[in-house]
Amino acid sequence: CTKDCYHHGTCVRENNKMKCKCQPDWSGDQCQVPSCTKDCHHHGTCVRENNKMKCICHPQWSGDQCQVPSCTKDCYHHGTCVRENNKMKCKCQPDWSGDQCQ
């Protein structure tokens, strides 16, 4: 195994070839890619923060694994979905109000 599995795995022999067996939270041929549980549900990016893996969610998604849609019904087209205090919420146009600008 090259680069010693980036210190995130163990080099093992499998089918007469050397291969990295990665530790939890790491993937890739050489265990060089940080990973998150359930891959952030394909609604975010997995990053390492303070020695832990964390999902940074795409706009309009929230939750530890980006599994919760935010600003449902797209604020009924009467507002904009914005991140405020680490949560998604609708910022309504004038004359519209409510959680979803309905």
N, C-alpha and C. Protein backbone atom coordinates (compact mmCIF):
# COMPACT_ATOMS: atom_id res chain seq x y z
N CYS A 1 0.85 -1.18 0.00
CA CYS A 1 0.00 0.00 0.00
C CYS A 1 0.89 1.24 0.00
N THR A 2 0.54 2.19 -0.84
CA THR A 2 1.32 3.42 -0.88
C THR A 2 0.80 4.39 0.18
N LYS A 3 1.66 5.25 0.62
CA LYS A 3 1.34 6.30 1.60
C LYS A 3 0.76 5.75 2.89
N ASP A 4 0.99 4.48 3.19
CA ASP A 4 0.61 3.88 4.46
C ASP A 4 -0.87 4.12 4.80
N CYS A 5 -1.72 4.09 3.80
CA CYS A 5 -3.17 4.28 3.97
C CYS A 5 -3.48 5.60 4.68
N TYR A 6 -2.61 6.58 4.52
CA TYR A 6 -2.77 7.92 5.11
C TYR A 6 -3.04 7.87 6.61
N HIS A 7 -2.58 6.81 7.28
CA HIS A 7 -2.75 6.62 8.73
C HIS A 7 -4.22 6.50 9.13
N HIS A 8 -5.09 6.18 8.16
CA HIS A 8 -6.52 6.02 8.45
C HIS A 8 -7.00 4.62 8.09
N GLY A 9 -6.07 3.68 8.00
CA GLY A 9 -6.44 2.31 7.66
C GLY A 9 -5.27 1.37 7.85
N THR A 10 -5.52 0.13 7.53
CA THR A 10 -4.52 -0.92 7.66
C THR A 10 -4.33 -1.58 6.31
N CYS A 11 -3.09 -1.82 5.94
CA CYS A 11 -2.78 -2.48 4.68
C CYS A 11 -2.96 -3.99 4.87
N VAL A 12 -3.83 -4.59 4.05
CA VAL A 12 -4.10 -6.02 4.14
C VAL A 12 -3.96 -6.66 2.75
N ARG A 13 -3.72 -7.98 2.74
CA ARG A 13 -3.66 -8.72 1.48
C ARG A 13 -5.04 -9.29 1.21
N GLU A 14 -5.56 -8.98 0.02
CA GLU A 14 -6.88 -9.48 -0.39
C GLU A 14 -6.80 -9.91 -1.85
N ASN A 15 -7.13 -11.16 -2.11
CA ASN A 15 -7.05 -11.72 -3.47
C ASN A 15 -5.66 -11.52 -4.08
N ASN A 16 -4.63 -11.80 -3.28
CA ASN A 16 -3.24 -11.68 -3.70
C ASN A 16 -2.82 -10.25 -4.05
N LYS A 17 -3.56 -9.26 -3.58
CA LYS A 17 -3.20 -7.85 -3.80
C LYS A 17 -3.22 -7.15 -2.45
N MET A 18 -2.39 -6.14 -2.34
CA MET A 18 -2.38 -5.33 -1.12
C MET A 18 -3.46 -4.25 -1.26
N LYS A 19 -4.20 -4.05 -0.16
CA LYS A 19 -5.33 -3.14 -0.19
C LYS A 19 -5.47 -2.48 1.18
N CYS A 20 -5.91 -1.23 1.20
CA CYS A 20 -6.16 -0.54 2.47
C CYS A 20 -7.56 -0.89 2.98
N LYS A 21 -7.63 -1.30 4.23
CA LYS A 21 -8.91 -1.50 4.90
C LYS A 21 -9.08 -0.27 5.80
N CYS A 22 -10.02 0.59 5.46
CA CYS A 22 -10.15 1.90 6.11
C CYS A 22 -10.84 1.83 7.47
N GLN A 23 -10.45 2.76 8.33
CA GLN A 23 -11.12 2.96 9.61
C GLN A 23 -12.49 3.57 9.36
N PRO A 24 -13.40 3.46 10.35
CA PRO A 24 -14.69 4.15 10.18
C PRO A 24 -14.45 5.64 9.92
N ASP A 25 -15.31 6.26 9.16
CA ASP A 25 -15.24 7.68 8.79
C ASP A 25 -14.19 7.99 7.73
N TRP A 26 -13.57 6.94 7.12
CA TRP A 26 -12.61 7.16 6.04
C TRP A 26 -12.90 6.20 4.90
N SER A 27 -12.65 6.65 3.66
CA SER A 27 -12.87 5.81 2.48
C SER A 27 -11.84 6.18 1.42
N GLY A 28 -11.95 5.56 0.26
CA GLY A 28 -11.01 5.79 -0.83
C GLY A 28 -10.01 4.65 -0.91
N ASP A 29 -9.32 4.55 -2.04
CA ASP A 29 -8.34 3.48 -2.24
C ASP A 29 -7.25 3.49 -1.17
N GLN A 30 -6.86 4.67 -0.70
CA GLN A 30 -5.80 4.80 0.30
C GLN A 30 -6.33 5.40 1.61
N CYS A 31 -7.66 5.34 1.83
CA CYS A 31 -8.28 5.86 3.06
C CYS A 31 -8.02 7.35 3.23
N GLN A 32 -8.01 8.07 2.12
CA GLN A 32 -7.68 9.49 2.15
C GLN A 32 -8.92 10.39 2.13
N VAL A 33 -10.11 9.81 2.00
CA VAL A 33 -11.32 10.61 1.87
C VAL A 33 -12.16 10.50 3.14
N PRO A 34 -12.40 11.63 3.83
CA PRO A 34 -13.27 11.57 5.00
C PRO A 34 -14.70 11.26 4.57
N SER A 35 -15.41 10.49 5.37
CA SER A 35 -16.79 10.15 5.01
C SER A 35 -17.69 10.36 6.21
N CYS A 36 -18.96 10.47 5.94
CA CYS A 36 -19.97 10.66 6.98
C CYS A 36 -20.98 9.53 6.91
N THR A 37 -21.64 9.27 8.02
CA THR A 37 -22.68 8.27 8.05
C THR A 37 -23.74 8.63 7.02
N LYS A 38 -24.16 7.68 6.25
CA LYS A 38 -25.19 7.86 5.22
C LYS A 38 -24.84 8.93 4.20
N ASP A 39 -23.56 9.30 4.11
CA ASP A 39 -23.07 10.21 3.09
C ASP A 39 -23.87 11.52 3.01
N CYS A 40 -24.31 12.02 4.16
CA CYS A 40 -25.07 13.28 4.24
C CYS A 40 -26.33 13.23 3.39
N HIS A 41 -26.84 12.04 3.14
CA HIS A 41 -28.06 11.84 2.35
C HIS A 41 -27.98 12.52 0.98
N HIS A 42 -26.78 12.74 0.47
CA HIS A 42 -26.55 13.38 -0.83
C HIS A 42 -27.05 14.82 -0.85
N HIS A 43 -27.22 15.43 0.34
CA HIS A 43 -27.67 16.82 0.42
C HIS A 43 -26.65 17.68 1.15
N GLY A 44 -25.40 17.26 1.17
CA GLY A 44 -24.37 18.02 1.85
C GLY A 44 -22.99 17.48 1.57
N THR A 45 -22.01 18.08 2.22
CA THR A 45 -20.62 17.70 2.05
C THR A 45 -20.05 17.30 3.41
N CYS A 46 -19.35 16.21 3.44
CA CYS A 46 -18.76 15.70 4.66
C CYS A 46 -17.40 16.35 4.88
N VAL A 47 -17.19 16.95 6.06
CA VAL A 47 -15.92 17.59 6.38
C VAL A 47 -15.47 17.15 7.77
N ARG A 48 -14.18 17.26 8.02
CA ARG A 48 -13.64 16.97 9.35
C ARG A 48 -13.55 18.30 10.09
N GLU A 49 -14.16 18.34 11.27
CA GLU A 49 -14.14 19.55 12.10
C GLU A 49 -13.91 19.13 13.55
N ASN A 50 -12.89 19.69 14.18
CA ASN A 50 -12.54 19.33 15.56
C ASN A 50 -12.36 17.83 15.72
N ASN A 51 -11.66 17.21 14.77
CA ASN A 51 -11.37 15.77 14.80
C ASN A 51 -12.60 14.89 14.68
N LYS A 52 -13.72 15.43 14.20
CA LYS A 52 -14.94 14.65 13.99
C LYS A 52 -15.44 14.92 12.58
N MET A 53 -16.20 13.99 12.06
CA MET A 53 -16.79 14.15 10.75
C MET A 53 -18.12 14.88 10.91
N LYS A 54 -18.40 15.80 9.98
CA LYS A 54 -19.61 16.61 10.08
C LYS A 54 -20.13 16.90 8.68
N CYS A 55 -21.45 16.93 8.54
CA CYS A 55 -22.07 17.29 7.27
C CYS A 55 -22.31 18.80 7.22
N ILE A 56 -21.89 19.42 6.15
CA ILE A 56 -22.24 20.81 5.86
C ILE A 56 -23.33 20.72 4.79
N CYS A 57 -24.54 21.08 5.15
CA CYS A 57 -25.70 20.86 4.28
C CYS A 57 -25.80 21.88 3.15
N HIS A 58 -26.32 21.40 2.02
CA HIS A 58 -26.63 22.28 0.90
C HIS A 58 -27.79 23.17 1.32
N PRO A 59 -27.96 24.32 0.64
CA PRO A 59 -29.10 25.18 0.97
C PRO A 59 -30.40 24.38 0.91
N GLN A 60 -31.31 24.70 1.78
CA GLN A 60 -32.63 24.09 1.89
C GLN A 60 -32.61 22.68 2.48
N TRP A 61 -31.49 22.29 3.12
CA TRP A 61 -31.42 21.02 3.84
C TRP A 61 -30.78 21.27 5.19
N SER A 62 -31.19 20.53 6.22
CA SER A 62 -30.63 20.68 7.55
C SER A 62 -30.62 19.33 8.25
N GLY A 63 -30.21 19.32 9.52
CA GLY A 63 -30.10 18.09 10.29
C GLY A 63 -28.67 17.61 10.34
N ASP A 64 -28.37 16.74 11.30
CA ASP A 64 -27.01 16.23 11.46
C ASP A 64 -26.48 15.58 10.19
N GLN A 65 -27.35 14.92 9.44
CA GLN A 65 -26.95 14.23 8.22
C GLN A 65 -27.64 14.82 6.99
N CYS A 66 -28.09 16.08 7.08
CA CYS A 66 -28.74 16.79 5.96
C CYS A 66 -29.96 16.03 5.47
N GLN A 67 -30.70 15.43 6.40
CA GLN A 67 -31.85 14.61 6.05
C GLN A 67 -33.17 15.37 6.16
N VAL A 68 -33.14 16.60 6.66
CA VAL A 68 -34.38 17.35 6.89
C VAL A 68 -34.50 18.47 5.85
N PRO A 69 -35.54 18.40 5.01
CA PRO A 69 -35.73 19.50 4.07
C PRO A 69 -36.16 20.75 4.84
N SER A 70 -35.62 21.87 4.45
CA SER A 70 -35.97 23.13 5.10
C SER A 70 -36.74 23.99 4.12
N CYS A 71 -37.48 24.93 4.68
CA CYS A 71 -38.26 25.84 3.85
C CYS A 71 -39.14 25.04 2.88
N THR A 72 -40.00 24.19 3.44
CA THR A 72 -40.86 23.37 2.60
C THR A 72 -41.72 24.25 1.71
N LYS A 73 -42.11 23.71 0.62
CA LYS A 73 -42.91 24.39 -0.40
C LYS A 73 -42.24 25.68 -0.88
N ASP A 74 -40.91 25.76 -0.72
CA ASP A 74 -40.11 26.87 -1.24
C ASP A 74 -40.69 28.23 -0.83
N CYS A 75 -41.13 28.33 0.43
CA CYS A 75 -41.69 29.58 0.99
C CYS A 75 -42.88 30.06 0.18
N TYR A 76 -43.57 29.13 -0.46
CA TYR A 76 -44.76 29.43 -1.27
C TYR A 76 -44.49 30.52 -2.31
N HIS A 77 -43.25 30.66 -2.73
CA HIS A 77 -42.83 31.66 -3.72
C HIS A 77 -43.09 33.09 -3.25
N HIS A 78 -43.21 33.26 -1.92
CA HIS A 78 -43.42 34.60 -1.37
C HIS A 78 -42.28 34.98 -0.42
N GLY A 79 -41.16 34.32 -0.56
CA GLY A 79 -40.02 34.61 0.30
C GLY A 79 -38.78 33.88 -0.17
N THR A 80 -37.72 34.04 0.59
CA THR A 80 -36.44 33.42 0.27
C THR A 80 -35.99 32.57 1.46
N CYS A 81 -35.52 31.38 1.17
CA CYS A 81 -35.03 30.49 2.20
C CYS A 81 -33.61 30.93 2.57
N VAL A 82 -33.40 31.28 3.85
CA VAL A 82 -32.10 31.76 4.30
C VAL A 82 -31.66 30.98 5.54
N ARG A 83 -30.35 30.93 5.78
CA ARG A 83 -29.81 30.29 6.98
C ARG A 83 -29.67 31.37 8.05
N GLU A 84 -30.29 31.14 9.20
CA GLU A 84 -30.22 32.08 10.30
C GLU A 84 -30.06 31.29 11.59
N ASN A 85 -29.05 31.63 12.38
CA ASN A 85 -28.74 30.89 13.61
C ASN A 85 -28.59 29.40 13.35
N ASN A 86 -27.92 29.07 12.24
CA ASN A 86 -27.64 27.69 11.86
C ASN A 86 -28.88 26.88 11.51
N LYS A 87 -29.99 27.55 11.21
CA LYS A 87 -31.21 26.88 10.77
C LYS A 87 -31.73 27.58 9.53
N MET A 88 -32.49 26.85 8.75
CA MET A 88 -33.08 27.44 7.55
C MET A 88 -34.45 28.00 7.90
N LYS A 89 -34.77 29.19 7.35
CA LYS A 89 -36.08 29.77 7.57
C LYS A 89 -36.43 30.65 6.38
N CYS A 90 -37.72 30.94 6.25
CA CYS A 90 -38.19 31.79 5.17
C CYS A 90 -38.12 33.26 5.60
N LYS A 91 -37.53 34.06 4.74
CA LYS A 91 -37.55 35.51 4.91
C LYS A 91 -38.59 36.01 3.92
N CYS A 92 -39.73 36.44 4.44
CA CYS A 92 -40.89 36.74 3.61
C CYS A 92 -40.80 38.10 2.93
N GLN A 93 -41.44 38.17 1.75
CA GLN A 93 -41.60 39.44 1.05
C GLN A 93 -42.60 40.31 1.83
N PRO A 94 -42.57 41.62 1.58
CA PRO A 94 -43.55 42.47 2.25
C PRO A 94 -44.98 41.96 2.01
N ASP A 95 -45.82 42.10 2.99
CA ASP A 95 -47.23 41.68 2.95
C ASP A 95 -47.43 40.17 3.06
N TRP A 96 -46.36 39.42 3.31
CA TRP A 96 -46.48 37.97 3.52
C TRP A 96 -45.86 37.62 4.86
N SER A 97 -46.40 36.62 5.55
CA SER A 97 -45.87 36.24 6.86
C SER A 97 -46.10 34.76 7.10
N GLY A 98 -45.68 34.30 8.26
CA GLY A 98 -45.82 32.89 8.62
C GLY A 98 -44.51 32.16 8.41
N ASP A 99 -44.44 30.94 8.96
CA ASP A 99 -43.21 30.15 8.85
C ASP A 99 -42.79 29.92 7.41
N GLN A 100 -43.78 29.78 6.51
CA GLN A 100 -43.48 29.50 5.12
C GLN A 100 -44.00 30.59 4.18
N CYS A 101 -44.25 31.79 4.72
CA CYS A 101 -44.73 32.93 3.93
C CYS A 101 -46.04 32.60 3.23
N GLN A 102 -46.91 31.88 3.92
CA GLN A 102 -48.17 31.48 3.33
C GLN A 102 -49.24 32.48 3.66
